[in-house]
Amino acid sequence: MGDNPVSVERVGNTYFQITTLPGHSLGDGLHIRFSFSRTLGMHFLTVRAWYDEATTCTNGCGMVSGLFALAVWQVLSDTLKISAFAA
């Protein structure tokens, strides 16, 4: 999204996982897994994030990364709402 390069690491039946690349505003080497499930007719999206080694951002840009994540998740959430409604 924007100037934040990522690479797809894994794709499964109910998830996909990306890793951030050099130049990403949160640092490179972060892993993010998006998992989808359905329970009692409700669809759920679970997001997990972790890193193998600390990055410049994981060591000290908490507020900036938090605001960035909030903005990104809002766009993602709105896109998923529209896509789910259309489906």
Protein backbone atom coordinates (compact mmCIF):
# COMPACT_ATOMS: atom_id res chain seq x y z
CA MET A 1 0.00 0.00 0.00
CA GLY A 2 1.52 3.30 -1.00
CA ASP A 3 5.29 3.36 -0.56
CA ASN A 4 5.35 0.42 1.86
CA PRO A 5 6.70 -2.62 0.01
CA VAL A 6 5.69 -6.10 1.17
CA SER A 7 6.14 -9.63 -0.11
CA VAL A 8 3.66 -12.49 0.16
CA GLU A 9 5.25 -15.23 2.29
CA ARG A 10 2.53 -17.83 2.51
CA VAL A 11 -1.01 -18.44 1.29
CA GLY A 12 -3.31 -21.05 2.80
CA ASN A 13 -6.97 -21.97 2.50
CA THR A 14 -7.97 -19.53 5.25
CA TYR A 15 -5.03 -17.12 5.54
CA PHE A 16 -2.32 -15.19 3.80
CA GLN A 17 0.92 -13.91 5.28
CA ILE A 18 3.14 -11.05 4.20
CA THR A 19 6.52 -9.72 5.27
CA THR A 20 7.62 -6.09 5.11
CA LEU A 21 10.55 -5.28 2.82
CA PRO A 22 13.32 -2.65 3.05
CA GLY A 23 11.80 0.80 2.68
CA HIS A 24 8.62 -0.06 4.61
CA SER A 25 7.76 2.64 7.15
CA LEU A 26 7.54 0.02 9.93
CA GLY A 27 10.91 -1.49 9.02
CA ASP A 28 11.73 -4.64 7.11
CA GLY A 29 11.32 -8.19 8.37
CA LEU A 30 7.94 -7.82 10.10
CA HIS A 31 5.50 -10.69 9.46
CA ILE A 32 1.74 -10.11 9.27
CA ARG A 33 -0.80 -12.93 8.97
CA PHE A 34 -4.43 -12.31 7.99
CA SER A 35 -6.68 -15.27 8.91
CA PHE A 36 -10.33 -15.63 7.94
CA SER A 37 -12.95 -17.73 9.73
CA ARG A 38 -16.69 -18.11 10.00
CA THR A 39 -18.64 -18.90 13.17
CA LEU A 40 -22.41 -18.84 13.65
CA GLY A 41 -22.85 -17.07 10.30
CA MET A 42 -20.38 -14.31 11.19
CA HIS A 43 -17.14 -13.74 9.26
CA PHE A 44 -14.01 -12.92 11.24
CA LEU A 45 -10.64 -11.49 10.29
CA THR A 46 -7.79 -12.10 12.72
CA VAL A 47 -4.51 -10.24 12.25
CA ARG A 48 -1.27 -11.31 13.92
CA ALA A 49 2.04 -9.51 13.56
CA TRP A 50 5.53 -10.40 14.79
CA TYR A 51 9.18 -9.91 13.94
CA ASP A 52 12.30 -12.05 14.02
CA GLU A 53 14.58 -9.15 14.96
CA ALA A 54 13.80 -5.69 16.28
CA THR A 55 13.67 -2.96 13.64
CA THR A 56 14.26 0.76 13.97
CA CYS A 57 10.53 1.24 14.30
CA THR A 58 9.83 -1.56 16.78
CA ASN A 59 12.48 0.03 18.99
CA GLY A 60 11.06 3.51 19.18
CA CYS A 61 8.35 4.86 16.94
CA GLY A 62 5.35 3.52 18.84
CA MET A 63 3.04 6.50 18.36
CA VAL A 64 3.95 6.97 14.69
CA SER A 65 3.56 3.27 13.90
CA GLY A 66 0.33 3.15 15.89
CA LEU A 67 -1.19 6.02 13.92
CA PHE A 68 0.06 4.53 10.66
CA ALA A 69 -1.42 1.13 11.55
CA LEU A 70 -4.74 2.75 12.50
CA ALA A 71 -4.94 4.50 9.12
CA VAL A 72 -3.99 1.36 7.20
CA TRP A 73 -6.44 -0.82 9.12
CA GLN A 74 -9.23 1.71 8.53
CA VAL A 75 -8.66 1.55 4.76
CA LEU A 76 -8.47 -2.25 4.91
CA SER A 77 -11.60 -2.45 7.04
CA ASP A 78 -13.58 -0.21 4.70
CA THR A 79 -12.41 -2.21 1.66
CA LEU A 80 -13.38 -5.50 3.30
CA LYS A 81 -16.82 -4.16 4.26
CA ILE A 82 -17.52 -3.17 0.67
CA SER A 83 -16.14 -6.44 -0.71
CA ALA A 84 -18.11 -8.56 1.75
CA PHE A 85 -21.31 -6.67 1.04
CA ALA A 86 -20.80 -7.05 -2.73
CA ALA A 87 -20.13 -10.79 -2.37
